[in-house]
Amino acid sequence: MEQVRIAVEIVRDIVLVELHAGQVSPRVYQLVYDDVFERLDQLIDARTARWIKARQDYLVVMPQREVSSIELATERKTQLRL
């Protein structure tokens, strides 16, 4: 089974989202990357993020306000439907 690991970390005022591909096909990686980017782009539409900078293996998100680790963990659980 192909898996892309996603790590989310708060670094100072930004949120860093890293994608670790491992042994996945380029198509699977691109689908995951596109999905993550679309979800983050929706944060801009919802006015909870100011901007997103995207690279091939990570995305940087500038929130509208300071984000705490607890808020980030809660949002991840919501996104994963845990």
N, C-alpha and C. Protein backbone atom coordinates (compact mmCIF):
# COMPACT_ATOMS: atom_id res chain seq x y z
N MET A 1 0.84 -1.17 0.00
CA MET A 1 0.00 0.00 0.00
C MET A 1 0.89 1.25 0.00
N GLU A 2 0.59 2.17 -0.87
CA GLU A 2 1.37 3.39 -0.97
C GLU A 2 0.84 4.42 0.04
N GLN A 3 1.77 5.08 0.74
CA GLN A 3 1.38 6.07 1.73
C GLN A 3 2.29 7.28 1.65
N VAL A 4 1.69 8.44 1.85
CA VAL A 4 2.44 9.68 1.96
C VAL A 4 2.22 10.16 3.39
N ARG A 5 3.31 10.35 4.13
CA ARG A 5 3.22 10.82 5.51
C ARG A 5 3.20 12.34 5.50
N ILE A 6 2.28 12.92 6.27
CA ILE A 6 2.15 14.37 6.35
C ILE A 6 2.47 14.80 7.78
N ALA A 7 3.43 15.71 7.90
CA ALA A 7 3.81 16.24 9.21
C ALA A 7 3.45 17.73 9.26
N VAL A 8 2.81 18.13 10.34
CA VAL A 8 2.41 19.53 10.52
C VAL A 8 3.10 20.04 11.77
N GLU A 9 3.77 21.19 11.64
CA GLU A 9 4.52 21.74 12.75
C GLU A 9 4.38 23.26 12.76
N ILE A 10 4.25 23.82 13.95
CA ILE A 10 4.23 25.27 14.10
C ILE A 10 5.66 25.73 14.30
N VAL A 11 6.13 26.64 13.45
CA VAL A 11 7.47 27.19 13.53
C VAL A 11 7.33 28.71 13.61
N ARG A 12 7.53 29.23 14.79
CA ARG A 12 7.33 30.67 15.07
C ARG A 12 5.91 31.07 14.70
N ASP A 13 5.76 31.93 13.70
CA ASP A 13 4.43 32.43 13.33
C ASP A 13 3.78 31.67 12.18
N ILE A 14 4.45 30.67 11.64
CA ILE A 14 3.91 29.96 10.48
C ILE A 14 3.62 28.50 10.81
N VAL A 15 2.86 27.89 9.94
CA VAL A 15 2.58 26.46 10.04
C VAL A 15 3.26 25.79 8.84
N LEU A 16 4.12 24.82 9.12
CA LEU A 16 4.86 24.10 8.09
C LEU A 16 4.22 22.73 7.90
N VAL A 17 3.83 22.43 6.66
CA VAL A 17 3.22 21.15 6.32
C VAL A 17 4.20 20.42 5.40
N GLU A 18 4.77 19.32 5.90
CA GLU A 18 5.74 18.56 5.11
C GLU A 18 5.12 17.26 4.63
N LEU A 19 5.43 16.90 3.40
CA LEU A 19 4.97 15.64 2.83
C LEU A 19 6.18 14.73 2.62
N HIS A 20 6.11 13.53 3.17
CA HIS A 20 7.18 12.55 3.04
C HIS A 20 6.66 11.39 2.20
N ALA A 21 7.21 11.25 1.01
CA ALA A 21 6.66 10.31 0.03
C ALA A 21 7.06 8.86 0.28
N GLY A 22 8.27 8.61 0.68
CA GLY A 22 8.70 7.22 0.82
C GLY A 22 8.71 6.55 -0.54
N GLN A 23 8.10 5.39 -0.63
CA GLN A 23 8.08 4.61 -1.88
C GLN A 23 6.71 4.68 -2.54
N VAL A 24 6.34 5.85 -3.02
CA VAL A 24 5.05 5.99 -3.70
C VAL A 24 5.28 6.46 -5.13
N SER A 25 4.32 6.17 -5.96
CA SER A 25 4.41 6.60 -7.35
C SER A 25 4.22 8.11 -7.45
N PRO A 26 4.77 8.73 -8.47
CA PRO A 26 4.60 10.18 -8.64
C PRO A 26 3.12 10.58 -8.74
N ARG A 27 2.30 9.74 -9.33
CA ARG A 27 0.87 10.05 -9.47
C ARG A 27 0.19 10.11 -8.10
N VAL A 28 0.46 9.13 -7.25
CA VAL A 28 -0.14 9.11 -5.91
C VAL A 28 0.32 10.33 -5.12
N TYR A 29 1.61 10.63 -5.18
CA TYR A 29 2.14 11.78 -4.47
C TYR A 29 1.47 13.06 -4.94
N GLN A 30 1.29 13.22 -6.25
CA GLN A 30 0.67 14.43 -6.79
C GLN A 30 -0.77 14.55 -6.34
N LEU A 31 -1.50 13.43 -6.29
CA LEU A 31 -2.88 13.47 -5.81
C LEU A 31 -2.96 13.93 -4.36
N VAL A 32 -2.06 13.41 -3.52
CA VAL A 32 -2.04 13.80 -2.11
C VAL A 32 -1.67 15.27 -1.99
N TYR A 33 -0.64 15.69 -2.70
CA TYR A 33 -0.18 17.08 -2.66
C TYR A 33 -1.31 18.03 -3.09
N ASP A 34 -1.99 17.70 -4.18
CA ASP A 34 -3.09 18.53 -4.66
C ASP A 34 -4.21 18.62 -3.63
N ASP A 35 -4.52 17.51 -2.96
CA ASP A 35 -5.56 17.49 -1.95
C ASP A 35 -5.18 18.38 -0.77
N VAL A 36 -3.95 18.25 -0.29
CA VAL A 36 -3.49 19.08 0.83
C VAL A 36 -3.50 20.55 0.44
N PHE A 37 -3.01 20.87 -0.76
CA PHE A 37 -2.99 22.26 -1.20
C PHE A 37 -4.41 22.83 -1.28
N GLU A 38 -5.34 22.06 -1.80
CA GLU A 38 -6.73 22.52 -1.91
C GLU A 38 -7.33 22.80 -0.54
N ARG A 39 -7.06 21.92 0.44
CA ARG A 39 -7.58 22.14 1.79
C ARG A 39 -6.99 23.41 2.41
N LEU A 40 -5.70 23.63 2.19
CA LEU A 40 -5.06 24.83 2.73
C LEU A 40 -5.56 26.08 2.00
N ASP A 41 -5.81 25.96 0.71
CA ASP A 41 -6.34 27.08 -0.04
C ASP A 41 -7.72 27.49 0.47
N GLN A 42 -8.47 26.53 0.94
CA GLN A 42 -9.79 26.83 1.50
C GLN A 42 -9.66 27.66 2.77
N LEU A 43 -8.54 27.55 3.48
CA LEU A 43 -8.31 28.38 4.67
C LEU A 43 -8.19 29.85 4.29
N ILE A 44 -7.62 30.13 3.13
CA ILE A 44 -7.55 31.51 2.65
C ILE A 44 -8.95 32.02 2.34
N ASP A 45 -9.75 31.18 1.66
CA ASP A 45 -11.12 31.57 1.35
C ASP A 45 -11.93 31.82 2.62
N ALA A 46 -11.62 31.06 3.68
CA ALA A 46 -12.33 31.22 4.96
C ALA A 46 -11.71 32.33 5.81
N ARG A 47 -10.69 32.96 5.28
CA ARG A 47 -9.99 34.06 5.96
C ARG A 47 -9.35 33.66 7.27
N THR A 48 -8.89 32.40 7.35
CA THR A 48 -8.15 31.97 8.53
C THR A 48 -6.66 31.87 8.23
N ALA A 49 -6.30 32.00 6.95
CA ALA A 49 -4.89 32.02 6.55
C ALA A 49 -4.66 33.22 5.65
N ARG A 50 -3.48 33.82 5.78
CA ARG A 50 -3.14 34.98 4.95
C ARG A 50 -2.61 34.55 3.59
N TRP A 51 -1.65 33.61 3.62
CA TRP A 51 -1.04 33.16 2.37
C TRP A 51 -0.46 31.76 2.53
N ILE A 52 -0.18 31.13 1.39
CA ILE A 52 0.44 29.80 1.34
C ILE A 52 1.60 29.89 0.36
N LYS A 53 2.72 29.35 0.74
CA LYS A 53 3.86 29.21 -0.17
C LYS A 53 4.06 27.71 -0.35
N ALA A 54 4.08 27.27 -1.58
CA ALA A 54 4.16 25.84 -1.86
C ALA A 54 5.45 25.48 -2.57
N ARG A 55 6.05 24.38 -2.14
CA ARG A 55 7.20 23.77 -2.79
C ARG A 55 6.83 22.33 -3.09
N GLN A 56 7.71 21.60 -3.70
CA GLN A 56 7.39 20.23 -4.09
C GLN A 56 7.14 19.30 -2.89
N ASP A 57 7.86 19.51 -1.77
CA ASP A 57 7.71 18.59 -0.65
C ASP A 57 7.19 19.24 0.63
N TYR A 58 6.87 20.52 0.58
CA TYR A 58 6.29 21.15 1.76
C TYR A 58 5.50 22.40 1.39
N LEU A 59 4.64 22.81 2.33
CA LEU A 59 3.85 24.02 2.17
C LEU A 59 4.01 24.85 3.44
N VAL A 60 4.06 26.15 3.29
CA VAL A 60 4.15 27.06 4.42
C VAL A 60 2.87 27.88 4.45
N VAL A 61 2.23 27.93 5.60
CA VAL A 61 0.96 28.64 5.75
C VAL A 61 1.13 29.74 6.80
N MET A 62 0.73 30.95 6.46
CA MET A 62 0.73 32.05 7.42
C MET A 62 -0.70 32.25 7.90
N PRO A 63 -0.99 31.90 9.16
CA PRO A 63 -2.35 32.08 9.68
C PRO A 63 -2.69 33.55 9.90
N GLN A 64 -3.97 33.86 10.00
CA GLN A 64 -4.41 35.22 10.28
C GLN A 64 -4.10 35.62 11.72
N ARG A 65 -4.01 34.64 12.60
CA ARG A 65 -3.68 34.91 14.00
C ARG A 65 -2.78 33.79 14.50
N GLU A 66 -2.28 33.95 15.71
CA GLU A 66 -1.38 32.94 16.29
C GLU A 66 -2.14 31.63 16.48
N VAL A 67 -1.49 30.53 16.19
CA VAL A 67 -2.09 29.20 16.31
C VAL A 67 -1.38 28.45 17.43
N SER A 68 -2.15 27.84 18.31
CA SER A 68 -1.55 27.05 19.38
C SER A 68 -1.45 25.59 18.97
N SER A 69 -0.58 24.87 19.64
CA SER A 69 -0.41 23.44 19.35
C SER A 69 -1.70 22.66 19.60
N ILE A 70 -2.45 23.04 20.62
CA ILE A 70 -3.70 22.34 20.93
C ILE A 70 -4.72 22.56 19.81
N GLU A 71 -4.80 23.78 19.30
CA GLU A 71 -5.72 24.05 18.18
C GLU A 71 -5.34 23.23 16.97
N LEU A 72 -4.04 23.12 16.71
CA LEU A 72 -3.56 22.36 15.57
C LEU A 72 -3.91 20.88 15.72
N ALA A 73 -3.71 20.33 16.91
CA ALA A 73 -4.04 18.92 17.16
C ALA A 73 -5.54 18.68 17.01
N THR A 74 -6.36 19.60 17.50
CA THR A 74 -7.81 19.47 17.38
C THR A 74 -8.22 19.48 15.91
N GLU A 75 -7.64 20.39 15.13
CA GLU A 75 -7.98 20.46 13.71
C GLU A 75 -7.56 19.20 12.97
N ARG A 76 -6.39 18.65 13.29
CA ARG A 76 -5.95 17.40 12.65
C ARG A 76 -6.92 16.28 12.95
N LYS A 77 -7.36 16.17 14.20
CA LYS A 77 -8.32 15.12 14.56
C LYS A 77 -9.62 15.30 13.80
N THR A 78 -10.05 16.55 13.65
CA THR A 78 -11.28 16.83 12.90
C THR A 78 -11.10 16.42 11.44
N GLN A 79 -9.99 16.81 10.85
CA GLN A 79 -9.73 16.48 9.45
C GLN A 79 -9.66 14.97 9.24
N LEU A 80 -9.08 14.27 10.21
CA LEU A 80 -8.94 12.81 10.10
C LEU A 80 -10.19 12.08 10.58
N ARG A 81 -11.14 12.86 11.11
CA ARG A 81 -12.41 12.31 11.62
C ARG A 81 -12.17 11.28 12.72
N LEU A 82 -11.30 11.64 13.67
CA LEU A 82 -11.02 10.74 14.81
C LEU A 82 -11.93 11.04 15.96
